[in-house]
Amino acid sequence: MELPDPRCDLLLATYVLGLTTPFYEDRPPDQHLEAIRNCLVRVMPPERITQALLATPADGDDWYTSALDPIEVIGRKDGRALFIRYAGGDGAALIQNEHSYQSAPEMNGGFQEEPAATNLRGTAK
């Protein structure tokens, strides 16, 4: 089995950074980093997570570098929608922040997410 391009891992980590930001923008950075790791552990092994979080685009890889900010923005938009949907009246997030290494349906009581209202470009479907 061939490992995915490390650039794909960085793109995913960048999206997850944006996705988790609404939940962690007022918390210490180490808590936000742990939340990012907890999301990524569902789709990649820990060593790839570490590589993705430490990666930087190569010099001259302009298309890739220019993709990072828009991908983070899409993640923030999706994260904001989740935050609004799941935040309690006092602003406390109802989403479980600790990862117990279970599959998503077991972790969230079998709740089925609705399909995203936007595509990967952030535009309405």
N, C-alpha and C. Protein backbone atom coordinates (compact mmCIF):
# COMPACT_ATOMS: atom_id res chain seq x y z
N MET A 1 0.84 -1.18 0.00
CA MET A 1 0.00 0.00 0.00
C MET A 1 0.89 1.25 0.00
N GLU A 2 0.62 2.14 -0.90
CA GLU A 2 1.40 3.36 -1.04
C GLU A 2 0.87 4.44 -0.10
N LEU A 3 1.78 5.10 0.61
CA LEU A 3 1.36 6.20 1.49
C LEU A 3 0.95 7.40 0.66
N PRO A 4 -0.03 8.14 1.12
CA PRO A 4 -0.43 9.35 0.40
C PRO A 4 0.70 10.38 0.38
N ASP A 5 0.63 11.24 -0.58
CA ASP A 5 1.57 12.34 -0.70
C ASP A 5 1.52 13.15 0.61
N PRO A 6 2.68 13.42 1.23
CA PRO A 6 2.68 14.19 2.48
C PRO A 6 2.00 15.55 2.34
N ARG A 7 1.98 16.07 1.11
CA ARG A 7 1.31 17.35 0.90
C ARG A 7 -0.19 17.22 1.15
N CYS A 8 -0.76 16.06 0.83
CA CYS A 8 -2.19 15.83 1.10
C CYS A 8 -2.45 15.84 2.60
N ASP A 9 -1.52 15.27 3.36
CA ASP A 9 -1.67 15.26 4.81
C ASP A 9 -1.66 16.69 5.36
N LEU A 10 -0.77 17.53 4.83
CA LEU A 10 -0.72 18.92 5.28
C LEU A 10 -2.00 19.65 4.89
N LEU A 11 -2.51 19.39 3.71
CA LEU A 11 -3.77 20.02 3.30
C LEU A 11 -4.91 19.62 4.24
N LEU A 12 -4.98 18.34 4.59
CA LEU A 12 -6.01 17.89 5.52
C LEU A 12 -5.81 18.52 6.90
N ALA A 13 -4.58 18.56 7.38
CA ALA A 13 -4.31 19.18 8.68
C ALA A 13 -4.69 20.66 8.67
N THR A 14 -4.47 21.33 7.55
CA THR A 14 -4.84 22.74 7.42
C THR A 14 -6.35 22.91 7.49
N TYR A 15 -7.08 22.02 6.82
CA TYR A 15 -8.55 22.07 6.88
C TYR A 15 -9.01 21.85 8.33
N VAL A 16 -8.43 20.86 9.01
CA VAL A 16 -8.83 20.55 10.39
C VAL A 16 -8.47 21.71 11.32
N LEU A 17 -7.37 22.40 11.06
CA LEU A 17 -7.04 23.61 11.82
C LEU A 17 -8.19 24.60 11.74
N GLY A 18 -8.65 24.86 10.52
CA GLY A 18 -9.78 25.77 10.36
C GLY A 18 -11.05 25.23 10.99
N LEU A 19 -11.30 23.95 10.82
CA LEU A 19 -12.51 23.32 11.35
C LEU A 19 -12.60 23.43 12.87
N THR A 20 -11.49 23.27 13.55
CA THR A 20 -11.49 23.28 15.01
C THR A 20 -11.32 24.67 15.62
N THR A 21 -10.91 25.64 14.83
CA THR A 21 -10.66 26.99 15.36
C THR A 21 -11.85 27.60 16.09
N PRO A 22 -13.08 27.51 15.58
CA PRO A 22 -14.19 28.12 16.33
C PRO A 22 -14.37 27.55 17.75
N PHE A 23 -13.97 26.32 17.95
CA PHE A 23 -14.12 25.68 19.25
C PHE A 23 -12.96 26.00 20.19
N TYR A 24 -11.82 26.42 19.64
CA TYR A 24 -10.62 26.59 20.45
C TYR A 24 -9.99 27.97 20.35
N GLU A 25 -10.65 28.93 19.71
CA GLU A 25 -10.01 30.23 19.50
C GLU A 25 -9.74 30.97 20.81
N ASP A 26 -10.47 30.66 21.87
CA ASP A 26 -10.25 31.33 23.15
C ASP A 26 -9.55 30.43 24.17
N ARG A 27 -8.97 29.35 23.69
CA ARG A 27 -8.30 28.40 24.58
C ARG A 27 -6.80 28.39 24.28
N PRO A 28 -6.04 27.79 25.17
CA PRO A 28 -4.58 27.72 24.94
C PRO A 28 -4.26 26.94 23.66
N PRO A 29 -3.20 27.34 22.96
CA PRO A 29 -2.82 26.67 21.70
C PRO A 29 -2.58 25.17 21.85
N ASP A 30 -2.07 24.73 23.00
CA ASP A 30 -1.81 23.30 23.15
C ASP A 30 -3.11 22.49 23.16
N GLN A 31 -4.20 23.07 23.66
CA GLN A 31 -5.49 22.38 23.61
C GLN A 31 -6.00 22.30 22.17
N HIS A 32 -5.79 23.37 21.42
CA HIS A 32 -6.21 23.37 20.01
C HIS A 32 -5.40 22.34 19.22
N LEU A 33 -4.11 22.30 19.45
CA LEU A 33 -3.26 21.32 18.77
C LEU A 33 -3.70 19.89 19.09
N GLU A 34 -4.04 19.63 20.34
CA GLU A 34 -4.50 18.30 20.73
C GLU A 34 -5.82 17.97 20.03
N ALA A 35 -6.70 18.94 19.88
CA ALA A 35 -7.96 18.71 19.17
C ALA A 35 -7.70 18.37 17.70
N ILE A 36 -6.74 19.04 17.09
CA ILE A 36 -6.39 18.75 15.70
C ILE A 36 -5.86 17.31 15.60
N ARG A 37 -4.98 16.96 16.51
CA ARG A 37 -4.45 15.58 16.53
C ARG A 37 -5.58 14.56 16.70
N ASN A 38 -6.52 14.86 17.59
CA ASN A 38 -7.63 13.94 17.85
C ASN A 38 -8.51 13.75 16.62
N CYS A 39 -8.65 14.77 15.82
CA CYS A 39 -9.42 14.63 14.57
C CYS A 39 -8.63 13.82 13.55
N LEU A 40 -7.36 14.12 13.41
CA LEU A 40 -6.55 13.46 12.39
C LEU A 40 -6.28 11.99 12.69
N VAL A 41 -6.30 11.61 13.96
CA VAL A 41 -5.98 10.23 14.33
C VAL A 41 -7.02 9.26 13.76
N ARG A 42 -8.15 9.76 13.37
CA ARG A 42 -9.19 8.92 12.77
C ARG A 42 -8.82 8.47 11.35
N VAL A 43 -7.94 9.22 10.70
CA VAL A 43 -7.67 8.94 9.29
C VAL A 43 -6.20 8.69 8.96
N MET A 44 -5.31 8.90 9.92
CA MET A 44 -3.89 8.64 9.65
C MET A 44 -3.17 8.26 10.93
N PRO A 45 -2.09 7.51 10.80
CA PRO A 45 -1.33 7.09 11.98
C PRO A 45 -0.58 8.28 12.61
N PRO A 46 -0.24 8.15 13.88
CA PRO A 46 0.40 9.25 14.61
C PRO A 46 1.65 9.82 13.96
N GLU A 47 2.49 8.97 13.35
CA GLU A 47 3.72 9.50 12.74
C GLU A 47 3.41 10.41 11.55
N ARG A 48 2.38 10.10 10.79
CA ARG A 48 1.98 10.98 9.68
C ARG A 48 1.36 12.27 10.20
N ILE A 49 0.65 12.19 11.32
CA ILE A 49 0.08 13.40 11.92
C ILE A 49 1.21 14.35 12.31
N THR A 50 2.21 13.82 12.98
CA THR A 50 3.34 14.64 13.40
C THR A 50 4.02 15.27 12.19
N GLN A 51 4.25 14.48 11.14
CA GLN A 51 4.87 15.02 9.93
C GLN A 51 4.01 16.12 9.32
N ALA A 52 2.70 15.91 9.28
CA ALA A 52 1.80 16.90 8.68
C ALA A 52 1.81 18.20 9.47
N LEU A 53 1.84 18.09 10.80
CA LEU A 53 1.81 19.29 11.63
C LEU A 53 3.12 20.05 11.62
N LEU A 54 4.20 19.39 11.25
CA LEU A 54 5.51 20.04 11.17
C LEU A 54 5.89 20.44 9.75
N ALA A 55 5.11 20.01 8.77
CA ALA A 55 5.46 20.22 7.36
C ALA A 55 5.31 21.69 6.95
N THR A 56 6.12 22.05 5.98
CA THR A 56 6.00 23.35 5.32
C THR A 56 6.13 23.10 3.82
N PRO A 57 5.43 23.89 3.02
CA PRO A 57 5.54 23.71 1.56
C PRO A 57 6.96 23.98 1.08
N ALA A 58 7.37 23.25 0.06
CA ALA A 58 8.69 23.45 -0.54
C ALA A 58 8.73 24.79 -1.27
N ASP A 59 9.90 25.39 -1.30
CA ASP A 59 10.07 26.63 -2.07
C ASP A 59 9.72 26.37 -3.52
N GLY A 60 8.99 27.27 -4.12
CA GLY A 60 8.62 27.15 -5.53
C GLY A 60 7.37 26.35 -5.77
N ASP A 61 6.76 25.82 -4.74
CA ASP A 61 5.53 25.04 -4.88
C ASP A 61 4.35 25.99 -4.70
N ASP A 62 4.23 26.95 -5.64
CA ASP A 62 3.28 28.04 -5.49
C ASP A 62 1.82 27.61 -5.45
N TRP A 63 1.43 26.66 -6.31
CA TRP A 63 0.01 26.26 -6.32
C TRP A 63 -0.36 25.67 -4.97
N TYR A 64 0.57 24.93 -4.40
CA TYR A 64 0.32 24.27 -3.12
C TYR A 64 0.25 25.30 -2.00
N THR A 65 1.21 26.19 -1.97
CA THR A 65 1.23 27.24 -0.96
C THR A 65 -0.02 28.09 -1.03
N SER A 66 -0.45 28.42 -2.24
CA SER A 66 -1.64 29.26 -2.39
C SER A 66 -2.93 28.52 -2.04
N ALA A 67 -2.89 27.20 -1.95
CA ALA A 67 -4.08 26.42 -1.59
C ALA A 67 -4.30 26.38 -0.08
N LEU A 68 -3.28 26.61 0.72
CA LEU A 68 -3.40 26.43 2.16
C LEU A 68 -4.39 27.40 2.80
N ASP A 69 -4.29 28.69 2.51
CA ASP A 69 -5.21 29.66 3.12
C ASP A 69 -6.66 29.40 2.75
N PRO A 70 -6.99 29.19 1.47
CA PRO A 70 -8.39 28.91 1.14
C PRO A 70 -8.92 27.64 1.81
N ILE A 71 -8.07 26.63 1.95
CA ILE A 71 -8.52 25.40 2.60
C ILE A 71 -8.78 25.65 4.09
N GLU A 72 -7.95 26.44 4.73
CA GLU A 72 -8.20 26.78 6.13
C GLU A 72 -9.50 27.57 6.27
N VAL A 73 -9.76 28.48 5.33
CA VAL A 73 -10.99 29.27 5.36
C VAL A 73 -12.22 28.38 5.23
N ILE A 74 -12.15 27.40 4.34
CA ILE A 74 -13.27 26.45 4.19
C ILE A 74 -13.47 25.69 5.50
N GLY A 75 -12.39 25.25 6.13
CA GLY A 75 -12.49 24.57 7.41
C GLY A 75 -13.12 25.46 8.48
N ARG A 76 -12.73 26.73 8.52
CA ARG A 76 -13.32 27.67 9.49
C ARG A 76 -14.81 27.84 9.24
N LYS A 77 -15.19 27.93 7.98
CA LYS A 77 -16.61 28.08 7.65
C LYS A 77 -17.39 26.86 8.12
N ASP A 78 -16.88 25.68 7.83
CA ASP A 78 -17.54 24.45 8.27
C ASP A 78 -17.53 24.35 9.80
N GLY A 79 -16.42 24.72 10.42
CA GLY A 79 -16.32 24.68 11.88
C GLY A 79 -17.28 25.65 12.54
N ARG A 80 -17.42 26.84 11.96
CA ARG A 80 -18.36 27.83 12.50
C ARG A 80 -19.78 27.29 12.43
N ALA A 81 -20.14 26.64 11.32
CA ALA A 81 -21.48 26.05 11.19
C ALA A 81 -21.69 24.97 12.25
N LEU A 82 -20.69 24.14 12.49
CA LEU A 82 -20.79 23.12 13.53
C LEU A 82 -20.90 23.76 14.92
N PHE A 83 -20.11 24.80 15.15
CA PHE A 83 -20.13 25.47 16.44
C PHE A 83 -21.51 26.04 16.72
N ILE A 84 -22.08 26.70 15.74
CA ILE A 84 -23.42 27.28 15.91
C ILE A 84 -24.44 26.17 16.17
N ARG A 85 -24.30 25.08 15.46
CA ARG A 85 -25.25 23.98 15.59
C ARG A 85 -25.14 23.27 16.94
N TYR A 86 -23.93 23.10 17.45
CA TYR A 86 -23.73 22.28 18.64
C TYR A 86 -23.36 23.04 19.90
N ALA A 87 -23.20 24.34 19.84
CA ALA A 87 -22.84 25.10 21.04
C ALA A 87 -24.08 25.27 21.91
N GLY A 88 -23.89 25.11 23.20
CA GLY A 88 -24.99 25.31 24.14
C GLY A 88 -25.31 26.78 24.28
N GLY A 89 -26.38 27.09 25.00
CA GLY A 89 -26.80 28.47 25.21
C GLY A 89 -25.74 29.31 25.88
N ASP A 90 -24.88 28.68 26.68
CA ASP A 90 -23.82 29.42 27.35
C ASP A 90 -22.52 29.43 26.55
N GLY A 91 -22.58 28.88 25.32
CA GLY A 91 -21.40 28.86 24.47
C GLY A 91 -20.51 27.66 24.70
N ALA A 92 -20.87 26.79 25.62
CA ALA A 92 -20.07 25.59 25.88
C ALA A 92 -20.34 24.56 24.79
N ALA A 93 -19.29 24.07 24.18
CA ALA A 93 -19.45 23.10 23.10
C ALA A 93 -19.98 21.79 23.64
N LEU A 94 -20.93 21.21 22.93
CA LEU A 94 -21.50 19.93 23.31
C LEU A 94 -20.79 18.78 22.63
N ILE A 95 -19.90 19.08 21.70
CA ILE A 95 -19.16 18.03 21.01
C ILE A 95 -18.08 17.51 21.93
N GLN A 96 -17.92 16.20 21.97
CA GLN A 96 -16.91 15.58 22.82
C GLN A 96 -15.52 15.95 22.30
N ASN A 97 -14.70 16.50 23.17
CA ASN A 97 -13.37 16.93 22.76
C ASN A 97 -12.30 15.88 22.99
N GLU A 98 -12.54 14.94 23.89
CA GLU A 98 -11.57 13.88 24.15
C GLU A 98 -11.79 12.76 23.16
N HIS A 99 -10.72 12.24 22.61
CA HIS A 99 -10.82 11.16 21.62
C HIS A 99 -10.52 9.85 22.32
N SER A 100 -11.46 8.92 22.28
CA SER A 100 -11.25 7.64 22.94
C SER A 100 -10.92 6.55 21.94
N TYR A 101 -10.49 6.93 20.74
CA TYR A 101 -10.09 6.00 19.70
C TYR A 101 -11.21 5.04 19.31
N GLN A 102 -12.42 5.56 19.27
CA GLN A 102 -13.57 4.81 18.79
C GLN A 102 -13.95 5.37 17.44
N SER A 103 -14.75 4.59 16.71
CA SER A 103 -15.23 5.12 15.45
C SER A 103 -16.24 6.22 15.74
N ALA A 104 -16.44 7.10 14.79
CA ALA A 104 -17.30 8.26 15.00
C ALA A 104 -18.71 7.90 15.44
N PRO A 105 -19.42 6.91 14.84
CA PRO A 105 -20.78 6.62 15.30
C PRO A 105 -20.82 6.18 16.76
N GLU A 106 -19.82 5.42 17.20
CA GLU A 106 -19.80 5.00 18.59
C GLU A 106 -19.50 6.18 19.51
N MET A 107 -18.68 7.09 19.01
CA MET A 107 -18.26 8.21 19.83
C MET A 107 -19.38 9.22 20.02
N ASN A 108 -20.25 9.35 19.03
CA ASN A 108 -21.30 10.35 19.15
C ASN A 108 -22.69 9.73 19.28
N GLY A 109 -22.76 8.53 19.80
CA GLY A 109 -24.05 7.91 20.07
C GLY A 109 -24.81 7.51 18.83
N GLY A 110 -24.12 7.30 17.72
CA GLY A 110 -24.78 6.87 16.50
C GLY A 110 -25.41 7.99 15.70
N PHE A 111 -25.17 9.24 16.10
CA PHE A 111 -25.74 10.37 15.38
C PHE A 111 -25.24 10.39 13.95
N GLN A 112 -26.13 10.53 13.01
CA GLN A 112 -25.78 10.58 11.59
C GLN A 112 -25.72 12.04 11.15
N GLU A 113 -24.56 12.48 10.71
CA GLU A 113 -24.42 13.86 10.22
C GLU A 113 -25.18 14.05 8.93
N GLU A 114 -25.70 15.23 8.75
CA GLU A 114 -26.31 15.58 7.48
C GLU A 114 -25.19 15.89 6.50
N PRO A 115 -25.43 15.70 5.20
CA PRO A 115 -24.40 16.05 4.22
C PRO A 115 -24.05 17.53 4.31
N ALA A 116 -22.81 17.83 3.99
CA ALA A 116 -22.37 19.22 4.02
C ALA A 116 -23.18 20.06 3.05
N ALA A 117 -23.43 21.30 3.45
CA ALA A 117 -24.20 22.20 2.60
C ALA A 117 -23.32 22.87 1.55
N THR A 118 -22.01 22.66 1.65
CA THR A 118 -21.10 23.24 0.67
C THR A 118 -20.19 22.16 0.13
N ASN A 119 -19.61 22.43 -1.02
CA ASN A 119 -18.62 21.51 -1.57
C ASN A 119 -17.24 21.94 -1.08
N LEU A 120 -16.18 21.32 -1.57
CA LEU A 120 -14.85 21.64 -1.09
C LEU A 120 -14.39 23.03 -1.47
N ARG A 121 -15.06 23.66 -2.39
CA ARG A 121 -14.71 25.03 -2.76
C ARG A 121 -15.42 26.04 -1.88
N GLY A 122 -16.30 25.56 -0.98
CA GLY A 122 -17.01 26.46 -0.07
C GLY A 122 -18.25 27.06 -0.68
N THR A 123 -18.65 26.59 -1.85
CA THR A 123 -19.85 27.12 -2.48
C THR A 123 -21.01 26.16 -2.26
N ALA A 124 -22.21 26.68 -2.31
CA ALA A 124 -23.39 25.85 -2.08
C ALA A 124 -23.49 24.76 -3.12
N LYS A 125 -23.96 23.60 -2.68
CA LYS A 125 -24.13 22.47 -3.59
C LYS A 125 -25.38 22.67 -4.42
